[in-house]
Amino acid sequence: MTDPYYAYINQWKRDSDRRELVLYAHHCIPQICACGAPIRLSTDENGKSYFECKEFEDDGFHIRRGCFNAFGEELEELNEKVAEEAKGRTKMVDEMKKMREDIKLLKELCMEGDEHRCFDAVKERLQEVKEEVAEEARIRKKMEDELKKMLEDIKLLKELCGC
């Protein structure tokens, strides 16, 4: 016999998932209707394209979202992500410029005096820079993969909508 607590938690999770579907139902391009049915592309008698629930009825419980509006919101989000990426790259360029200045300063210190102490300092700083560059490369790769996926989604949606 199972504990009733688990049944309660499972029901709570289903309800929470349903609330999230309803909350984001009219944001960007819908993936699934609040009723749980898949979303399909349809056209009305005037030729306007919609993303709508496969079991759509005009009772307020199903999703019907205009393609033009959904694409507009999706493009706005993509533009925001591109702007964030550009800001991140600018920040990375500034950090690299600072690192170059640090390396130049450390080289000058090495030329002036205690080479052993300076060599250790340069070695430590070089290791820090390598770790920072590796982390930035991982982040950039992840963002590039996400951007590729979004571009593929847009291409597919344009094909579906006939845009």
C-alpha atoms as a PDB file:
ATOM      1  CA  MET A   1       0.000   0.000   0.000  1.00  0.00           C
ATOM      2  CA  THR A   2       1.409   3.379  -0.940  1.00  0.00           C
ATOM      3  CA  ASP A   3       1.594   6.348   1.327  1.00  0.00           C
ATOM      4  CA  PRO A   4      -1.212   8.873   0.624  1.00  0.00           C
ATOM      5  CA  TYR A   5       1.381  11.620   0.937  1.00  0.00           C
ATOM      6  CA  TYR A   6       2.941  10.529  -2.387  1.00  0.00           C
ATOM      7  CA  ALA A   7      -0.429  10.600  -4.138  1.00  0.00           C
ATOM      8  CA  TYR A   8      -0.969  14.115  -2.771  1.00  0.00           C
ATOM      9  CA  ILE A   9       2.483  15.254  -3.980  1.00  0.00           C
ATOM     10  CA  ASN A  10       1.903  13.731  -7.436  1.00  0.00           C
ATOM     11  CA  GLN A  11      -1.466  15.486  -7.746  1.00  0.00           C
ATOM     12  CA  TRP A  12       0.116  18.755  -6.604  1.00  0.00           C
ATOM     13  CA  LYS A  13       2.816  18.379  -9.281  1.00  0.00           C
ATOM     14  CA  ARG A  14       0.212  17.726 -12.014  1.00  0.00           C
ATOM     15  CA  ASP A  15      -1.758  20.787 -10.892  1.00  0.00           C
ATOM     16  CA  SER A  16       1.394  22.887 -10.807  1.00  0.00           C
ATOM     17  CA  ASP A  17       2.373  21.768 -14.315  1.00  0.00           C
ATOM     18  CA  ARG A  18      -1.120  22.605 -15.572  1.00  0.00           C
ATOM     19  CA  ARG A  19      -0.957  26.085 -14.002  1.00  0.00           C
ATOM     20  CA  GLU A  20       2.393  26.669 -15.714  1.00  0.00           C
ATOM     21  CA  LEU A  21       0.918  25.632 -19.075  1.00  0.00           C
ATOM     22  CA  VAL A  22      -1.967  28.071 -18.623  1.00  0.00           C
ATOM     23  CA  LEU A  23       0.384  30.827 -17.451  1.00  0.00           C
ATOM     24  CA  TYR A  24       2.629  30.571 -20.523  1.00  0.00           C
ATOM     25  CA  ALA A  25      -0.094  29.575 -22.982  1.00  0.00           C
ATOM     26  CA  HIS A  26      -0.189  32.940 -24.720  1.00  0.00           C
ATOM     27  CA  HIS A  27       3.526  33.659 -24.630  1.00  0.00           C
ATOM     28  CA  CYS A  28       5.605  33.203 -27.792  1.00  0.00           C
ATOM     29  CA  ILE A  29       4.954  30.001 -29.725  1.00  0.00           C
ATOM     30  CA  PRO A  30       2.861  27.541 -27.669  1.00  0.00           C
ATOM     31  CA  GLN A  31       4.144  23.978 -27.421  1.00  0.00           C
ATOM     32  CA  ILE A  32       1.160  22.277 -25.781  1.00  0.00           C
ATOM     33  CA  CYS A  33      -2.363  23.373 -24.864  1.00  0.00           C
ATOM     34  CA  ALA A  34      -3.513  23.768 -21.284  1.00  0.00           C
ATOM     35  CA  CYS A  35      -5.820  20.802 -21.864  1.00  0.00           C
ATOM     36  CA  GLY A  36      -2.781  18.656 -22.727  1.00  0.00           C
ATOM     37  CA  ALA A  37      -3.506  18.331 -26.447  1.00  0.00           C
ATOM     38  CA  PRO A  38      -0.829  19.143 -29.031  1.00  0.00           C
ATOM     39  CA  ILE A  39      -0.705  22.453 -30.876  1.00  0.00           C
ATOM     40  CA  ARG A  40      -1.155  22.532 -34.640  1.00  0.00           C
ATOM     41  CA  LEU A  41      -0.916  25.192 -37.324  1.00  0.00           C
ATOM     42  CA  SER A  42      -4.260  26.194 -38.804  1.00  0.00           C
ATOM     43  CA  THR A  43      -5.731  28.873 -41.045  1.00  0.00           C
ATOM     44  CA  ASP A  44      -9.098  30.605 -40.765  1.00  0.00           C
ATOM     45  CA  GLU A  45     -11.436  31.527 -43.621  1.00  0.00           C
ATOM     46  CA  ASN A  46      -9.654  34.888 -44.074  1.00  0.00           C
ATOM     47  CA  GLY A  47      -6.271  33.178 -44.559  1.00  0.00           C
ATOM     48  CA  LYS A  48      -4.857  34.194 -41.172  1.00  0.00           C
ATOM     49  CA  SER A  49      -2.567  31.560 -39.603  1.00  0.00           C
ATOM     50  CA  TYR A  50      -2.917  30.431 -35.992  1.00  0.00           C
ATOM     51  CA  PHE A  51      -1.289  28.081 -33.537  1.00  0.00           C
ATOM     52  CA  GLU A  52      -4.246  26.310 -31.992  1.00  0.00           C
ATOM     53  CA  CYS A  53      -5.118  23.313 -29.883  1.00  0.00           C
ATOM     54  CA  LYS A  54      -5.878  20.170 -31.860  1.00  0.00           C
ATOM     55  CA  GLU A  55      -9.192  19.979 -29.979  1.00  0.00           C
ATOM     56  CA  PHE A  56      -9.941  23.721 -30.153  1.00  0.00           C
ATOM     57  CA  GLU A  57     -13.351  24.942 -29.084  1.00  0.00           C
ATOM     58  CA  ASP A  58     -14.039  28.620 -28.471  1.00  0.00           C
ATOM     59  CA  ASP A  59     -14.797  28.075 -24.771  1.00  0.00           C
ATOM     60  CA  GLY A  60     -11.725  29.750 -23.253  1.00  0.00           C
ATOM     61  CA  PHE A  61     -10.086  26.491 -22.198  1.00  0.00           C
ATOM     62  CA  HIS A  62      -8.011  25.970 -25.335  1.00  0.00           C
ATOM     63  CA  ILE A  63      -5.229  27.931 -26.994  1.00  0.00           C
ATOM     64  CA  ARG A  64      -5.556  29.818 -30.249  1.00  0.00           C
ATOM     65  CA  ARG A  65      -2.648  32.155 -30.848  1.00  0.00           C
ATOM     66  CA  GLY A  66      -1.978  34.239 -33.963  1.00  0.00           C
ATOM     67  CA  CYS A  67       1.233  33.233 -35.752  1.00  0.00           C
ATOM     68  CA  PHE A  68       2.254  36.834 -36.383  1.00  0.00           C
ATOM     69  CA  ASN A  69       2.077  37.733 -32.674  1.00  0.00           C
ATOM     70  CA  ALA A  70       3.827  34.536 -31.603  1.00  0.00           C
ATOM     71  CA  PHE A  71       6.653  35.078 -34.099  1.00  0.00           C
ATOM     72  CA  GLY A  72       6.994  38.695 -32.987  1.00  0.00           C
ATOM     73  CA  GLU A  73       7.418  37.722 -29.343  1.00  0.00           C
ATOM     74  CA  GLU A  74       9.808  34.915 -30.264  1.00  0.00           C
ATOM     75  CA  LEU A  75      11.939  37.337 -32.307  1.00  0.00           C
ATOM     76  CA  GLU A  76      11.956  39.868 -29.456  1.00  0.00           C
ATOM     77  CA  GLU A  77      13.289  37.205 -27.092  1.00  0.00           C
ATOM     78  CA  LEU A  78      15.933  36.161 -29.621  1.00  0.00           C
ATOM     79  CA  ASN A  79      16.981  39.798 -30.059  1.00  0.00           C
ATOM     80  CA  GLU A  80      17.331  40.133 -26.281  1.00  0.00           C
ATOM     81  CA  LYS A  81      19.510  37.012 -26.169  1.00  0.00           C
ATOM     82  CA  VAL A  82      21.670  38.327 -29.009  1.00  0.00           C
ATOM     83  CA  ALA A  83      22.058  41.629 -27.146  1.00  0.00           C
ATOM     84  CA  GLU A  84      23.083  39.746 -23.997  1.00  0.00           C
ATOM     85  CA  GLU A  85      25.613  37.755 -26.030  1.00  0.00           C
ATOM     86  CA  ALA A  86      27.059  40.963 -27.523  1.00  0.00           C
ATOM     87  CA  LYS A  87      27.285  42.490 -24.051  1.00  0.00           C
ATOM     88  CA  GLY A  88      29.063  39.355 -22.795  1.00  0.00           C
ATOM     89  CA  ARG A  89      31.538  39.479 -25.670  1.00  0.00           C
ATOM     90  CA  THR A  90      32.258  43.157 -25.000  1.00  0.00           C
ATOM     91  CA  LYS A  91      32.890  42.331 -21.362  1.00  0.00           C
ATOM     92  CA  MET A  92      35.202  39.491 -22.398  1.00  0.00           C
ATOM     93  CA  VAL A  93      37.167  41.818 -24.712  1.00  0.00           C
ATOM     94  CA  ASP A  94      37.592  44.307 -21.857  1.00  0.00           C
ATOM     95  CA  GLU A  95      38.785  41.558 -19.529  1.00  0.00           C
ATOM     96  CA  MET A  96      41.261  40.308 -22.133  1.00  0.00           C
ATOM     97  CA  LYS A  97      42.602  43.855 -22.552  1.00  0.00           C
ATOM     98  CA  LYS A  98      43.114  44.058 -18.780  1.00  0.00           C
ATOM     99  CA  MET A  99      44.840  40.677 -18.776  1.00  0.00           C
ATOM    100  CA  ARG A 100      47.216  41.834 -21.498  1.00  0.00           C
ATOM    101  CA  GLU A 101      48.089  44.858 -19.374  1.00  0.00           C
ATOM    102  CA  ASP A 102      48.664  42.565 -16.356  1.00  0.00           C
ATOM    103  CA  ILE A 103      50.959  40.328 -18.420  1.00  0.00           C
ATOM    104  CA  LYS A 104      52.897  43.352 -19.658  1.00  0.00           C
ATOM    105  CA  LEU A 105      53.289  44.619 -16.092  1.00  0.00           C
ATOM    106  CA  LEU A 106      54.433  41.216 -14.860  1.00  0.00           C
ATOM    107  CA  LYS A 107      56.994  40.987 -17.663  1.00  0.00           C
ATOM    108  CA  GLU A 108      58.364  44.390 -16.665  1.00  0.00           C
ATOM    109  CA  LEU A 109      58.596  43.260 -13.043  1.00  0.00           C
ATOM    110  CA  CYS A 110      60.492  40.155 -14.095  1.00  0.00           C
ATOM    111  CA  MET A 111      62.986  42.216 -16.020  1.00  0.00           C
ATOM    112  CA  GLU A 112      63.647  44.490 -13.031  1.00  0.00           C
ATOM    113  CA  GLY A 113      64.402  42.226 -10.120  1.00  0.00           C
ATOM    114  CA  ASP A 114      63.782  38.915  -8.410  1.00  0.00           C
ATOM    115  CA  GLU A 115      63.128  36.570 -11.318  1.00  0.00           C
ATOM    116  CA  HIS A 116      62.066  33.589  -9.205  1.00  0.00           C
ATOM    117  CA  ARG A 117      59.297  35.537  -7.414  1.00  0.00           C
ATOM    118  CA  CYS A 118      58.151  37.133 -10.667  1.00  0.00           C
ATOM    119  CA  PHE A 119      58.189  33.807 -12.506  1.00  0.00           C
ATOM    120  CA  ASP A 120      55.898  32.277  -9.858  1.00  0.00           C
ATOM    121  CA  ALA A 121      53.555  35.274 -10.061  1.00  0.00           C
ATOM    122  CA  VAL A 122      53.417  35.064 -13.865  1.00  0.00           C
ATOM    123  CA  LYS A 123      52.835  31.327 -13.706  1.00  0.00           C
ATOM    124  CA  GLU A 124      49.930  31.742 -11.255  1.00  0.00           C
ATOM    125  CA  ARG A 125      48.365  34.538 -13.294  1.00  0.00           C
ATOM    126  CA  LEU A 126      48.756  32.531 -16.487  1.00  0.00           C
ATOM    127  CA  GLN A 127      46.929  29.590 -14.899  1.00  0.00           C
ATOM    128  CA  GLU A 128      44.099  31.896 -13.787  1.00  0.00           C
ATOM    129  CA  VAL A 129      43.802  33.334 -17.284  1.00  0.00           C
ATOM    130  CA  LYS A 130      43.724  29.854 -18.843  1.00  0.00           C
ATOM    131  CA  GLU A 131      40.903  28.820 -16.503  1.00  0.00           C
ATOM    132  CA  GLU A 132      38.934  32.000 -17.253  1.00  0.00           C
ATOM    133  CA  VAL A 133      39.357  31.530 -21.004  1.00  0.00           C
ATOM    134  CA  ALA A 134      38.256  27.886 -20.773  1.00  0.00           C
ATOM    135  CA  GLU A 135      35.149  28.866 -18.812  1.00  0.00           C
ATOM    136  CA  GLU A 136      34.262  31.623 -21.281  1.00  0.00           C
ATOM    137  CA  ALA A 137      34.728  29.166 -24.162  1.00  0.00           C
ATOM    138  CA  ARG A 138      32.342  26.687 -22.522  1.00  0.00           C
ATOM    139  CA  ILE A 139      29.744  29.397 -21.976  1.00  0.00           C
ATOM    140  CA  ARG A 140      30.104  30.684 -25.549  1.00  0.00           C
ATOM    141  CA  LYS A 141      29.754  27.158 -26.980  1.00  0.00           C
ATOM    142  CA  LYS A 142      26.595  26.584 -24.944  1.00  0.00           C
ATOM    143  CA  MET A 143      25.112  29.886 -26.155  1.00  0.00           C
ATOM    144  CA  GLU A 144      26.042  29.120 -29.776  1.00  0.00           C
ATOM    145  CA  ASP A 145      24.314  25.737 -29.545  1.00  0.00           C
ATOM    146  CA  GLU A 146      21.195  27.367 -28.092  1.00  0.00           C
ATOM    147  CA  LEU A 147      21.222  30.030 -30.805  1.00  0.00           C
ATOM    148  CA  LYS A 148      21.539  27.355 -33.542  1.00  0.00           C
ATOM    149  CA  LYS A 149      18.550  25.505 -32.088  1.00  0.00           C
ATOM    150  CA  MET A 150      16.509  28.708 -32.032  1.00  0.00           C
ATOM    151  CA  LEU A 151      17.412  29.507 -35.639  1.00  0.00           C
ATOM    152  CA  GLU A 152      16.379  25.987 -36.684  1.00  0.00           C
ATOM    153  CA  ASP A 153      13.074  26.450 -34.825  1.00  0.00           C
ATOM    154  CA  ILE A 154      12.465  29.760 -36.588  1.00  0.00           C
ATOM    155  CA  LYS A 155      13.243  28.205 -39.976  1.00  0.00           C
ATOM    156  CA  LEU A 156      10.829  25.347 -39.290  1.00  0.00           C
ATOM    157  CA  LEU A 157       8.135  27.751 -38.120  1.00  0.00           C
ATOM    158  CA  LYS A 158       8.549  29.914 -41.201  1.00  0.00           C
ATOM    159  CA  GLU A 159       8.120  26.806 -43.365  1.00  0.00           C
ATOM    160  CA  LEU A 160       5.017  25.791 -41.433  1.00  0.00           C
ATOM    161  CA  CYS A 161       3.499  29.251 -41.563  1.00  0.00           C
ATOM    162  CA  GLY A 162       4.415  29.824 -45.193  1.00  0.00           C
ATOM    163  CA  CYS A 163       6.197  33.089 -44.389  1.00  0.00           C
END
